[in-house]
Amino acid sequence: MTDATTTTETTSTTHGVLLTDVAATKVKSLLEQEGRDDLRLRIGVQPGGCSGLIYQLYFDERSLDGDLVADFDGVEVVVDRMSAPYLDGATIDFSDTIEKQGFTIDNPNAGSSCACGDSFS
């Protein structure tokens, strides 16, 4: 399988997580507030929660063996190899409304989720 698109990424291994433009802008803003340019947005899953798995979403400076990386307008999103199948096709967005504020994850792989919105199976 060949990649028909030309990219400037130095990493040849990517993942199927998408970061919306709104979320990328918010991440850039948060990193500017921190005064750091060495951090990347890491998303993963781990066992736990009422539905079986919980999301992890945080800034990380580490580069771990097996990480999958994609660049979204200068924002690097990192997924560990074990989490990638659970997150393939997921979209990270940011909402700032009266109803909700914060990052959201829309994951088509989630069979079910609990009321907190952080746990899925």
C-alpha atoms as a PDB file:
ATOM      1  CA  MET A   1       0.000   0.000   0.000  1.00  0.00           C
ATOM      2  CA  THR A   2       1.408   3.378  -0.975  1.00  0.00           C
ATOM      3  CA  ASP A   3       0.565   6.791   0.360  1.00  0.00           C
ATOM      4  CA  ALA A   4      -0.485   9.104  -2.452  1.00  0.00           C
ATOM      5  CA  THR A   5      -0.233  12.242  -0.336  1.00  0.00           C
ATOM      6  CA  THR A   6       2.918  14.185   0.326  1.00  0.00           C
ATOM      7  CA  THR A   7       3.588  15.069   3.941  1.00  0.00           C
ATOM      8  CA  THR A   8       6.349  16.785   5.840  1.00  0.00           C
ATOM      9  CA  GLU A   9       6.115  14.415   8.793  1.00  0.00           C
ATOM     10  CA  THR A  10       9.326  12.768   9.853  1.00  0.00           C
ATOM     11  CA  THR A  11       7.381   9.892  11.378  1.00  0.00           C
ATOM     12  CA  SER A  12       6.195   7.244   8.938  1.00  0.00           C
ATOM     13  CA  THR A  13       3.693   5.666  11.315  1.00  0.00           C
ATOM     14  CA  THR A  14       0.399   7.460  11.891  1.00  0.00           C
ATOM     15  CA  HIS A  15      -2.967   6.722  13.488  1.00  0.00           C
ATOM     16  CA  GLY A  16      -6.658   7.189  12.695  1.00  0.00           C
ATOM     17  CA  VAL A  17      -7.489   9.829  15.322  1.00  0.00           C
ATOM     18  CA  LEU A  18      -8.672  13.189  13.975  1.00  0.00           C
ATOM     19  CA  LEU A  19      -8.250  16.569  15.679  1.00  0.00           C
ATOM     20  CA  THR A  20     -10.704  19.273  14.613  1.00  0.00           C
ATOM     21  CA  ASP A  21      -9.489  22.763  13.723  1.00  0.00           C
ATOM     22  CA  VAL A  22     -11.241  24.145  16.820  1.00  0.00           C
ATOM     23  CA  ALA A  23      -9.479  21.610  19.061  1.00  0.00           C
ATOM     24  CA  ALA A  24      -6.103  22.269  17.383  1.00  0.00           C
ATOM     25  CA  THR A  25      -6.521  26.003  18.005  1.00  0.00           C
ATOM     26  CA  LYS A  26      -7.357  25.363  21.681  1.00  0.00           C
ATOM     27  CA  VAL A  27      -4.343  23.055  22.101  1.00  0.00           C
ATOM     28  CA  LYS A  28      -2.058  25.712  20.575  1.00  0.00           C
ATOM     29  CA  SER A  29      -3.516  28.313  22.944  1.00  0.00           C
ATOM     30  CA  LEU A  30      -2.948  26.085  25.988  1.00  0.00           C
ATOM     31  CA  LEU A  31       0.639  25.343  24.947  1.00  0.00           C
ATOM     32  CA  GLU A  32       1.322  29.062  24.457  1.00  0.00           C
ATOM     33  CA  GLN A  33      -0.029  29.735  27.963  1.00  0.00           C
ATOM     34  CA  GLU A  34       2.341  27.083  29.311  1.00  0.00           C
ATOM     35  CA  GLY A  35       5.231  28.563  27.354  1.00  0.00           C
ATOM     36  CA  ARG A  36       6.172  25.110  26.071  1.00  0.00           C
ATOM     37  CA  ASP A  37       6.852  23.996  22.532  1.00  0.00           C
ATOM     38  CA  ASP A  38       8.081  20.505  23.397  1.00  0.00           C
ATOM     39  CA  LEU A  39       4.684  19.054  24.373  1.00  0.00           C
ATOM     40  CA  ARG A  40       2.392  16.901  22.279  1.00  0.00           C
ATOM     41  CA  LEU A  41      -1.224  15.902  22.857  1.00  0.00           C
ATOM     42  CA  ARG A  42      -1.366  12.259  23.876  1.00  0.00           C
ATOM     43  CA  ILE A  43      -4.571  10.237  23.761  1.00  0.00           C
ATOM     44  CA  GLY A  44      -4.899   6.675  24.962  1.00  0.00           C
ATOM     45  CA  VAL A  45      -7.191   4.206  26.635  1.00  0.00           C
ATOM     46  CA  GLN A  46      -6.695   2.182  29.776  1.00  0.00           C
ATOM     47  CA  PRO A  47      -8.766  -0.408  31.636  1.00  0.00           C
ATOM     48  CA  GLY A  48     -11.271   1.003  34.091  1.00  0.00           C
ATOM     49  CA  GLY A  49     -14.458   2.996  34.274  1.00  0.00           C
ATOM     50  CA  CYS A  50     -17.993   1.691  34.486  1.00  0.00           C
ATOM     51  CA  SER A  51     -18.011   0.553  30.840  1.00  0.00           C
ATOM     52  CA  GLY A  52     -14.593  -1.114  30.721  1.00  0.00           C
ATOM     53  CA  LEU A  53     -12.159   1.449  29.270  1.00  0.00           C
ATOM     54  CA  ILE A  54     -11.422   5.099  30.011  1.00  0.00           C
ATOM     55  CA  TYR A  55      -9.833   7.785  27.869  1.00  0.00           C
ATOM     56  CA  GLN A  56      -6.605   9.535  28.761  1.00  0.00           C
ATOM     57  CA  LEU A  57      -5.981  12.928  27.158  1.00  0.00           C
ATOM     58  CA  TYR A  58      -2.979  14.961  28.292  1.00  0.00           C
ATOM     59  CA  PHE A  59       0.136  16.834  27.211  1.00  0.00           C
ATOM     60  CA  ASP A  60       3.296  14.754  27.094  1.00  0.00           C
ATOM     61  CA  GLU A  61       6.919  15.461  26.280  1.00  0.00           C
ATOM     62  CA  ARG A  62       7.887  11.798  26.093  1.00  0.00           C
ATOM     63  CA  SER A  63       8.300   9.754  22.953  1.00  0.00           C
ATOM     64  CA  LEU A  64       7.596   6.102  23.679  1.00  0.00           C
ATOM     65  CA  ASP A  65       8.500   3.046  21.640  1.00  0.00           C
ATOM     66  CA  GLY A  66       5.621   2.221  19.303  1.00  0.00           C
ATOM     67  CA  ASP A  67       4.008   5.678  19.404  1.00  0.00           C
ATOM     68  CA  LEU A  68       1.903   6.612  16.400  1.00  0.00           C
ATOM     69  CA  VAL A  69       1.972  10.327  15.516  1.00  0.00           C
ATOM     70  CA  ALA A  70      -0.107  12.619  13.311  1.00  0.00           C
ATOM     71  CA  ASP A  71       0.299  16.374  12.815  1.00  0.00           C
ATOM     72  CA  PHE A  72      -2.694  18.720  12.715  1.00  0.00           C
ATOM     73  CA  ASP A  73      -1.663  22.239  11.741  1.00  0.00           C
ATOM     74  CA  GLY A  74       1.414  22.113  13.954  1.00  0.00           C
ATOM     75  CA  VAL A  75      -0.188  20.139  16.790  1.00  0.00           C
ATOM     76  CA  GLU A  76       1.199  16.626  17.160  1.00  0.00           C
ATOM     77  CA  VAL A  77      -1.294  14.035  18.399  1.00  0.00           C
ATOM     78  CA  VAL A  78       0.297  10.868  19.785  1.00  0.00           C
ATOM     79  CA  VAL A  79      -1.381   7.487  20.306  1.00  0.00           C
ATOM     80  CA  ASP A  80       0.347   4.466  21.799  1.00  0.00           C
ATOM     81  CA  ARG A  81       0.230   1.323  19.687  1.00  0.00           C
ATOM     82  CA  MET A  82      -2.024  -0.589  22.123  1.00  0.00           C
ATOM     83  CA  SER A  83      -4.663   2.195  22.170  1.00  0.00           C
ATOM     84  CA  ALA A  84      -4.710   2.786  18.402  1.00  0.00           C
ATOM     85  CA  PRO A  85      -7.256   0.056  17.492  1.00  0.00           C
ATOM     86  CA  TYR A  86      -9.711   1.393  20.092  1.00  0.00           C
ATOM     87  CA  LEU A  87      -9.334   4.962  18.823  1.00  0.00           C
ATOM     88  CA  ASP A  88      -9.248   4.456  15.043  1.00  0.00           C
ATOM     89  CA  GLY A  89     -11.692   6.937  13.518  1.00  0.00           C
ATOM     90  CA  ALA A  90     -12.202   8.876  16.766  1.00  0.00           C
ATOM     91  CA  THR A  91     -12.495  12.663  16.575  1.00  0.00           C
ATOM     92  CA  ILE A  92     -11.223  15.026  19.259  1.00  0.00           C
ATOM     93  CA  ASP A  93     -13.112  18.314  19.368  1.00  0.00           C
ATOM     94  CA  PHE A  94     -13.387  21.259  21.756  1.00  0.00           C
ATOM     95  CA  SER A  95     -16.656  22.810  22.911  1.00  0.00           C
ATOM     96  CA  ASP A  96     -17.081  26.117  24.704  1.00  0.00           C
ATOM     97  CA  THR A  97     -20.815  26.574  25.182  1.00  0.00           C
ATOM     98  CA  ILE A  98     -23.224  27.025  28.060  1.00  0.00           C
ATOM     99  CA  GLU A  99     -24.052  23.311  27.897  1.00  0.00           C
ATOM    100  CA  LYS A 100     -20.489  22.029  27.949  1.00  0.00           C
ATOM    101  CA  GLN A 101     -16.902  23.166  27.920  1.00  0.00           C
ATOM    102  CA  GLY A 102     -13.832  21.093  27.227  1.00  0.00           C
ATOM    103  CA  PHE A 103     -12.444  18.479  24.915  1.00  0.00           C
ATOM    104  CA  THR A 104     -14.809  15.825  23.613  1.00  0.00           C
ATOM    105  CA  ILE A 105     -14.066  12.489  21.978  1.00  0.00           C
ATOM    106  CA  ASP A 106     -16.457  11.051  19.409  1.00  0.00           C
ATOM    107  CA  ASN A 107     -15.441   7.419  19.020  1.00  0.00           C
ATOM    108  CA  PRO A 108     -17.273   5.184  16.521  1.00  0.00           C
ATOM    109  CA  ASN A 109     -15.586   2.133  18.118  1.00  0.00           C
ATOM    110  CA  ALA A 110     -17.289   2.656  21.480  1.00  0.00           C
ATOM    111  CA  GLY A 111     -19.960  -0.030  21.827  1.00  0.00           C
ATOM    112  CA  SER A 112     -21.420   1.697  24.871  1.00  0.00           C
ATOM    113  CA  SER A 113     -20.536   4.460  27.257  1.00  0.00           C
ATOM    114  CA  CYS A 114     -21.545   5.563  30.722  1.00  0.00           C
ATOM    115  CA  ALA A 115     -23.078   8.837  31.856  1.00  0.00           C
ATOM    116  CA  CYS A 116     -19.726  10.444  32.685  1.00  0.00           C
ATOM    117  CA  GLY A 117     -18.714  10.311  29.011  1.00  0.00           C
ATOM    118  CA  ASP A 118     -15.168   9.247  29.889  1.00  0.00           C
ATOM    119  CA  SER A 119     -15.727   5.489  29.880  1.00  0.00           C
ATOM    120  CA  PHE A 120     -16.616   3.144  27.025  1.00  0.00           C
ATOM    121  CA  SER A 121     -16.535  -0.472  25.965  1.00  0.00           C
END
